[in-house]
């Protein structure tokens, strides 16, 4: 096999900018691919946000449906508490994925930054719920 018979577009040693259209502004329009870790972080934050809203809704329904409120030692209260702690742990994992995605080279950082921000906001919201719950009694 000789290198002269291989077309330039499929040549394994072709320049990286070959085949990229010039937009006429002096720059090439080679868009960066999104970071897979950033996308995972973003999707983790979105899913965990919906899960937290669902857990809060379930806790509200159980609190309203039982006379005198929810028993703090019931199986339902235990499952809601474990669910919130699972969300906290998974949110820290999503936060770590987002930070790794932010520092990934040659990747778009949009989803990684959004993942860091949303996972951080989720952790702040859960912390605020703990403070409000402690203050309420």
Protein backbone atom coordinates (compact mmCIF):
# COMPACT_ATOMS: atom_id res chain seq x y z
CA UNK A 1 0.00 0.00 0.00
CA UNK A 2 1.39 3.37 -0.93
CA UNK A 3 0.44 6.67 0.59
CA UNK A 4 -0.07 8.22 -2.85
CA UNK A 5 -3.09 5.99 -3.60
CA UNK A 6 -5.05 6.99 -0.47
CA UNK A 7 -7.49 9.87 -0.99
CA UNK A 8 -6.57 12.96 1.06
CA UNK A 9 -9.86 12.97 3.00
CA UNK A 10 -9.28 9.49 4.45
CA UNK A 11 -5.52 9.77 4.91
CA UNK A 12 -4.67 8.99 8.53
CA UNK A 13 -2.02 11.72 8.70
CA UNK A 14 -3.96 14.56 7.10
CA UNK A 15 -3.88 17.98 8.77
CA UNK A 16 -6.60 18.51 11.37
CA UNK A 17 -8.03 21.55 9.59
CA UNK A 18 -8.40 19.84 6.21
CA UNK A 19 -12.01 19.65 5.09
CA UNK A 20 -13.21 22.44 7.39
CA UNK A 21 -14.99 25.21 5.54
CA UNK A 22 -13.71 28.77 5.84
CA UNK A 23 -16.43 31.21 6.83
CA UNK A 24 -14.72 34.19 5.25
CA UNK A 25 -14.01 35.90 8.56
CA UNK A 26 -10.51 34.57 8.83
CA UNK A 27 -11.49 31.85 11.29
CA UNK A 28 -12.46 28.28 10.62
CA UNK A 29 -15.83 26.98 11.72
CA UNK A 30 -14.61 23.89 13.52
CA UNK A 31 -17.13 23.61 16.35
CA UNK A 32 -15.96 21.69 19.41
CA UNK A 33 -17.78 18.53 20.43
CA UNK A 34 -19.64 18.64 23.72
CA UNK A 35 -18.01 16.99 26.69
CA UNK A 36 -19.64 13.65 27.46
CA UNK A 37 -18.97 14.15 31.15
CA UNK A 38 -20.57 17.59 30.97
CA UNK A 39 -23.68 16.17 29.35
CA UNK A 40 -23.82 13.45 32.02
CA UNK A 41 -23.50 16.09 34.75
CA UNK A 42 -26.25 18.21 33.21
CA UNK A 43 -28.64 15.28 32.78
CA UNK A 44 -27.90 14.12 36.32
CA UNK A 45 -28.85 17.53 37.69
CA UNK A 46 -32.08 17.67 35.67
CA UNK A 47 -33.17 14.14 36.68
CA UNK A 48 -32.28 14.69 40.33
CA UNK A 49 -34.16 17.99 40.35
CA UNK A 50 -37.32 16.24 39.18
CA UNK A 51 -36.73 13.45 41.72
CA UNK A 52 -36.41 15.99 44.53
CA UNK A 53 -39.62 17.73 43.49
CA UNK A 54 -41.37 14.33 43.42
CA UNK A 55 -40.08 13.43 46.89
CA UNK A 56 -41.22 16.77 48.29
CA UNK A 57 -44.65 16.25 46.70
CA UNK A 58 -44.93 12.73 48.17
CA UNK A 59 -43.91 14.03 51.61
CA UNK A 60 -46.53 16.78 51.35
CA UNK A 61 -49.27 14.34 50.36
CA UNK A 62 -48.37 11.93 53.16
CA UNK A 63 -48.21 14.80 55.67
CA UNK A 64 -51.61 16.12 54.59
CA UNK A 65 -53.33 12.73 54.41
CA UNK A 66 -52.42 11.57 57.92
CA UNK A 67 -54.19 13.16 60.87
CA UNK A 68 -51.57 14.75 63.08
CA UNK A 69 -48.94 14.64 60.32
CA UNK A 70 -46.44 12.05 59.21
CA UNK A 71 -44.92 9.78 61.83
CA UNK A 72 -41.18 10.44 61.86
CA UNK A 73 -40.38 6.75 62.33
CA UNK A 74 -42.68 5.31 59.67
CA UNK A 75 -41.41 3.41 56.66
CA UNK A 76 -42.63 6.20 54.38
CA UNK A 77 -40.62 8.83 56.26
CA UNK A 78 -37.58 6.55 56.17
CA UNK A 79 -37.86 6.05 52.40
CA UNK A 80 -38.27 9.79 51.77
CA UNK A 81 -35.22 10.53 53.92
CA UNK A 82 -33.13 7.87 52.20
CA UNK A 83 -34.26 9.23 48.84
CA UNK A 84 -33.09 12.72 49.76
CA UNK A 85 -29.72 11.39 50.93
CA UNK A 86 -29.40 9.43 47.67
CA UNK A 87 -30.09 12.65 45.75
CA UNK A 88 -27.37 14.40 47.76
CA UNK A 89 -24.83 11.68 46.97
CA UNK A 90 -25.71 11.55 43.27
CA UNK A 91 -25.62 15.33 43.07
CA UNK A 92 -22.05 15.32 44.40
CA UNK A 93 -21.18 12.77 41.70
CA UNK A 94 -22.81 15.02 39.09
CA UNK A 95 -20.88 17.99 40.46
CA UNK A 96 -17.60 16.06 40.15
CA UNK A 97 -18.47 15.02 36.57
CA UNK A 98 -19.18 18.66 35.75
CA UNK A 99 -15.85 19.84 37.13
CA UNK A 100 -13.99 17.17 35.16
CA UNK A 101 -15.93 18.23 32.05
CA UNK A 102 -15.03 21.89 32.61
CA UNK A 103 -11.32 21.06 32.55
CA UNK A 104 -11.50 18.69 29.56
CA UNK A 105 -9.34 19.89 26.68
CA UNK A 106 -10.75 20.51 23.19
CA UNK A 107 -14.37 20.10 24.28
CA UNK A 108 -17.27 22.50 24.57
CA UNK A 109 -17.83 23.39 28.20
CA UNK A 110 -21.46 24.56 28.01
CA UNK A 111 -23.09 21.44 29.47
CA UNK A 112 -20.29 20.97 32.00
CA UNK A 113 -20.80 24.49 33.36
CA UNK A 114 -24.58 24.03 33.40
CA UNK A 115 -24.12 20.72 35.22
CA UNK A 116 -21.91 22.32 37.86
CA UNK A 117 -24.33 25.20 38.36
CA UNK A 118 -27.48 23.03 38.52
CA UNK A 119 -25.94 20.39 40.79
CA UNK A 120 -24.65 23.15 43.06
CA UNK A 121 -28.10 24.77 43.16
CA UNK A 122 -29.64 21.40 43.94
CA UNK A 123 -27.30 20.93 46.89
CA UNK A 124 -28.04 24.46 48.11
CA UNK A 125 -31.79 23.80 47.84
CA UNK A 126 -31.51 20.62 49.89
CA UNK A 127 -29.39 22.45 52.46
CA UNK A 128 -32.05 25.17 52.64
CA UNK A 129 -34.73 22.49 53.16
CA UNK A 130 -32.72 21.07 56.07
CA UNK A 131 -32.34 24.53 57.62
CA UNK A 132 -36.04 25.29 57.19
CA UNK A 133 -37.00 21.89 58.62
CA UNK A 134 -34.72 22.35 61.61
CA UNK A 135 -36.00 25.86 62.27
CA UNK A 136 -39.63 24.76 61.98
CA UNK A 137 -39.19 22.20 64.67
